[in-house]
Amino acid sequence: MSFFNLFKKKTSNTSNTEPESTPNEPITWENTTVTDDFFTGYLNAISQLESAGQTAAAETLRANEPTLQIAFIDRFAKHVQSETATIKDADERTTAIITAVNTIRVHNKQMNIAVRAHLAQTKKKLIGE
């Protein structure tokens, strides 16, 4: 998945349980559901672009940071929902969701207020289902 494919609108009706990446597509920071891989991959991508002299591309990536983070949170939420769907005990499921969301909260300093609010709403939706 290229960087620009993140911003294309999907025209087909797909269910929420379909993975973002195809089985043949390698997992990268752009399509991962692992928190540390996303945040460190994003920072590494910027530094690689800058070291390659592609300052404009690095600035574009920085400008799109909130959009990329929200897309990551949505992918992460789908993954957490599928992982916790088999847990029958409500308290155990809630604890699992909170623990998963806390792995993202470690990176609060990298997120603006809109992204943090989206994360809070996502957590609320996951727990409330």
C-alpha atoms as a PDB file:
ATOM      1  CA  MET A   1       0.000   0.000   0.000  1.00  0.00           C
ATOM      2  CA  SER A   2       1.534   3.253  -1.002  1.00  0.00           C
ATOM      3  CA  PHE A   3       1.312   6.386   1.070  1.00  0.00           C
ATOM      4  CA  PHE A   4      -1.182   8.018  -1.282  1.00  0.00           C
ATOM      5  CA  ASN A   5      -3.540   5.030  -1.280  1.00  0.00           C
ATOM      6  CA  LEU A   6      -4.417   5.898   2.313  1.00  0.00           C
ATOM      7  CA  PHE A   7      -6.347   8.920   1.085  1.00  0.00           C
ATOM      8  CA  LYS A   8      -8.309   7.331  -1.737  1.00  0.00           C
ATOM      9  CA  LYS A   9     -11.977   6.783  -1.058  1.00  0.00           C
ATOM     10  CA  LYS A  10     -13.128   3.225  -1.228  1.00  0.00           C
ATOM     11  CA  THR A  11     -15.921   2.826  -3.751  1.00  0.00           C
ATOM     12  CA  SER A  12     -16.916  -0.738  -2.979  1.00  0.00           C
ATOM     13  CA  ASN A  13     -19.025  -1.787  -0.031  1.00  0.00           C
ATOM     14  CA  THR A  14     -16.760  -3.817   2.171  1.00  0.00           C
ATOM     15  CA  SER A  15     -17.505  -5.158   5.602  1.00  0.00           C
ATOM     16  CA  ASN A  16     -15.669  -3.833   8.629  1.00  0.00           C
ATOM     17  CA  THR A  17     -14.034  -7.193   9.272  1.00  0.00           C
ATOM     18  CA  GLU A  18     -11.909  -7.211   6.122  1.00  0.00           C
ATOM     19  CA  PRO A  19      -8.221  -6.507   6.707  1.00  0.00           C
ATOM     20  CA  GLU A  20      -6.799  -3.319   5.246  1.00  0.00           C
ATOM     21  CA  SER A  21      -3.959  -5.148   3.544  1.00  0.00           C
ATOM     22  CA  THR A  22      -4.152  -8.018   1.138  1.00  0.00           C
ATOM     23  CA  PRO A  23      -2.469 -11.318   2.012  1.00  0.00           C
ATOM     24  CA  ASN A  24       0.255 -10.701  -0.592  1.00  0.00           C
ATOM     25  CA  GLU A  25       0.996  -7.209   0.658  1.00  0.00           C
ATOM     26  CA  PRO A  26       3.810  -6.924   3.205  1.00  0.00           C
ATOM     27  CA  ILE A  27       3.053  -5.369   6.576  1.00  0.00           C
ATOM     28  CA  THR A  28       4.575  -1.898   6.841  1.00  0.00           C
ATOM     29  CA  TRP A  29       4.125   1.022   9.199  1.00  0.00           C
ATOM     30  CA  GLU A  30       1.409   2.275   6.832  1.00  0.00           C
ATOM     31  CA  ASN A  31      -0.858  -0.758   7.271  1.00  0.00           C
ATOM     32  CA  THR A  32       0.159  -2.316  10.584  1.00  0.00           C
ATOM     33  CA  THR A  33      -2.009  -2.696  13.660  1.00  0.00           C
ATOM     34  CA  VAL A  34       1.024  -2.803  15.986  1.00  0.00           C
ATOM     35  CA  THR A  35       1.383   0.486  17.832  1.00  0.00           C
ATOM     36  CA  ASP A  36       5.156   0.654  18.138  1.00  0.00           C
ATOM     37  CA  ASP A  37       5.644  -0.397  14.508  1.00  0.00           C
ATOM     38  CA  PHE A  38       3.371   2.422  13.332  1.00  0.00           C
ATOM     39  CA  PHE A  39       4.830   5.252  15.414  1.00  0.00           C
ATOM     40  CA  THR A  40       8.492   4.279  14.982  1.00  0.00           C
ATOM     41  CA  GLY A  41       7.943   3.492  11.295  1.00  0.00           C
ATOM     42  CA  TYR A  42       6.386   6.906  10.745  1.00  0.00           C
ATOM     43  CA  LEU A  43       9.332   8.685  12.361  1.00  0.00           C
ATOM     44  CA  ASN A  44      11.805   6.505  10.439  1.00  0.00           C
ATOM     45  CA  ALA A  45      10.016   7.290   7.156  1.00  0.00           C
ATOM     46  CA  ILE A  46      10.375  11.021   7.795  1.00  0.00           C
ATOM     47  CA  SER A  47      14.055  10.735   8.677  1.00  0.00           C
ATOM     48  CA  GLN A  48      14.730   8.562   5.596  1.00  0.00           C
ATOM     49  CA  LEU A  49      13.016  11.087   3.345  1.00  0.00           C
ATOM     50  CA  GLU A  50      15.000  13.934   4.858  1.00  0.00           C
ATOM     51  CA  SER A  51      18.295  12.088   4.574  1.00  0.00           C
ATOM     52  CA  ALA A  52      17.495  11.329   0.930  1.00  0.00           C
ATOM     53  CA  GLY A  53      16.967  15.035   0.295  1.00  0.00           C
ATOM     54  CA  GLN A  54      13.211  14.717  -0.195  1.00  0.00           C
ATOM     55  CA  THR A  55      12.224  17.535   2.136  1.00  0.00           C
ATOM     56  CA  ALA A  56       8.894  18.214   0.423  1.00  0.00           C
ATOM     57  CA  ALA A  57       7.799  14.592   0.824  1.00  0.00           C
ATOM     58  CA  ALA A  58       8.828  14.645   4.493  1.00  0.00           C
ATOM     59  CA  GLU A  59       6.821  17.838   5.061  1.00  0.00           C
ATOM     60  CA  THR A  60       3.808  16.294   3.325  1.00  0.00           C
ATOM     61  CA  LEU A  61       4.088  13.293   5.610  1.00  0.00           C
ATOM     62  CA  ARG A  62       4.276  15.587   8.647  1.00  0.00           C
ATOM     63  CA  ALA A  63       1.247  17.548   7.458  1.00  0.00           C
ATOM     64  CA  ASN A  64      -0.756  14.332   7.110  1.00  0.00           C
ATOM     65  CA  GLU A  65       0.256  12.993  10.524  1.00  0.00           C
ATOM     66  CA  PRO A  66      -3.181  13.374  12.178  1.00  0.00           C
ATOM     67  CA  THR A  67      -4.918  11.682   9.248  1.00  0.00           C
ATOM     68  CA  LEU A  68      -2.433   8.819   9.295  1.00  0.00           C
ATOM     69  CA  GLN A  69      -2.822   8.420  13.057  1.00  0.00           C
ATOM     70  CA  ILE A  70      -6.621   8.337  12.845  1.00  0.00           C
ATOM     71  CA  ALA A  71      -6.413   5.729  10.083  1.00  0.00           C
ATOM     72  CA  PHE A  72      -4.089   3.689  12.304  1.00  0.00           C
ATOM     73  CA  ILE A  73      -6.494   3.964  15.255  1.00  0.00           C
ATOM     74  CA  ASP A  74      -9.353   2.732  13.062  1.00  0.00           C
ATOM     75  CA  ARG A  75      -7.287  -0.268  11.877  1.00  0.00           C
ATOM     76  CA  PHE A  76      -6.187  -0.925  15.441  1.00  0.00           C
ATOM     77  CA  ALA A  77      -9.806  -0.803  16.669  1.00  0.00           C
ATOM     78  CA  LYS A  78     -10.890  -3.383  14.079  1.00  0.00           C
ATOM     79  CA  HIS A  79      -8.045  -5.618  15.171  1.00  0.00           C
ATOM     80  CA  VAL A  80      -8.864  -5.227  18.877  1.00  0.00           C
ATOM     81  CA  GLN A  81     -12.544  -5.860  18.181  1.00  0.00           C
ATOM     82  CA  SER A  82     -11.752  -9.104  16.369  1.00  0.00           C
ATOM     83  CA  GLU A  83      -9.319 -10.167  19.109  1.00  0.00           C
ATOM     84  CA  THR A  84     -11.772  -9.494  21.936  1.00  0.00           C
ATOM     85  CA  ALA A  85     -14.883 -10.814  20.201  1.00  0.00           C
ATOM     86  CA  THR A  86     -14.381 -14.273  21.661  1.00  0.00           C
ATOM     87  CA  ILE A  87     -14.119 -13.036  25.264  1.00  0.00           C
ATOM     88  CA  LYS A  88     -17.463 -13.679  26.961  1.00  0.00           C
ATOM     89  CA  ASP A  89     -16.772 -12.064  30.352  1.00  0.00           C
ATOM     90  CA  ALA A  90     -17.549  -8.335  30.090  1.00  0.00           C
ATOM     91  CA  ASP A  91     -15.003  -7.287  32.721  1.00  0.00           C
ATOM     92  CA  GLU A  92     -12.249  -9.331  31.120  1.00  0.00           C
ATOM     93  CA  ARG A  93     -13.111  -7.924  27.694  1.00  0.00           C
ATOM     94  CA  THR A  94     -13.115  -4.353  29.016  1.00  0.00           C
ATOM     95  CA  THR A  95      -9.736  -4.904  30.662  1.00  0.00           C
ATOM     96  CA  ALA A  96      -8.319  -6.288  27.405  1.00  0.00           C
ATOM     97  CA  ILE A  97      -9.598  -3.257  25.461  1.00  0.00           C
ATOM     98  CA  ILE A  98      -8.215  -0.777  28.003  1.00  0.00           C
ATOM     99  CA  THR A  99      -4.844  -2.529  27.976  1.00  0.00           C
ATOM    100  CA  ALA A 100      -4.748  -2.440  24.177  1.00  0.00           C
ATOM    101  CA  VAL A 101      -5.700   1.248  24.004  1.00  0.00           C
ATOM    102  CA  ASN A 102      -3.064   2.093  26.609  1.00  0.00           C
ATOM    103  CA  THR A 103      -0.398   0.876  24.176  1.00  0.00           C
ATOM    104  CA  ILE A 104      -1.396   3.800  21.950  1.00  0.00           C
ATOM    105  CA  ARG A 105      -1.647   6.284  24.814  1.00  0.00           C
ATOM    106  CA  VAL A 106       2.089   5.846  25.410  1.00  0.00           C
ATOM    107  CA  HIS A 107       2.512   7.980  22.274  1.00  0.00           C
ATOM    108  CA  ASN A 108       0.207  10.817  23.433  1.00  0.00           C
ATOM    109  CA  LYS A 109       2.924  13.429  22.886  1.00  0.00           C
ATOM    110  CA  GLN A 110       2.950  12.604  19.169  1.00  0.00           C
ATOM    111  CA  MET A 111      -0.830  13.048  18.832  1.00  0.00           C
ATOM    112  CA  ASN A 112      -2.770  16.274  18.633  1.00  0.00           C
ATOM    113  CA  ILE A 113      -6.008  16.808  20.557  1.00  0.00           C
ATOM    114  CA  ALA A 114      -8.243  15.692  17.671  1.00  0.00           C
ATOM    115  CA  VAL A 115      -6.428  12.363  17.416  1.00  0.00           C
ATOM    116  CA  ARG A 116      -6.583  11.850  21.196  1.00  0.00           C
ATOM    117  CA  ALA A 117     -10.306  12.613  21.125  1.00  0.00           C
ATOM    118  CA  HIS A 118     -10.759  10.081  18.303  1.00  0.00           C
ATOM    119  CA  LEU A 119      -8.878   7.513  20.362  1.00  0.00           C
ATOM    120  CA  ALA A 120     -11.125   8.177  23.358  1.00  0.00           C
ATOM    121  CA  GLN A 121     -14.264   7.823  21.235  1.00  0.00           C
ATOM    122  CA  THR A 122     -12.917   4.615  19.712  1.00  0.00           C
ATOM    123  CA  LYS A 123     -12.226   3.224  23.171  1.00  0.00           C
ATOM    124  CA  LYS A 124     -15.739   4.161  24.263  1.00  0.00           C
ATOM    125  CA  LYS A 125     -17.246   2.422  21.212  1.00  0.00           C
ATOM    126  CA  LEU A 126     -15.161  -0.705  21.758  1.00  0.00           C
ATOM    127  CA  ILE A 127     -16.145  -0.973  25.406  1.00  0.00           C
ATOM    128  CA  GLY A 128     -19.780  -0.075  24.779  1.00  0.00           C
ATOM    129  CA  GLU A 129     -20.433  -2.743  22.179  1.00  0.00           C
END
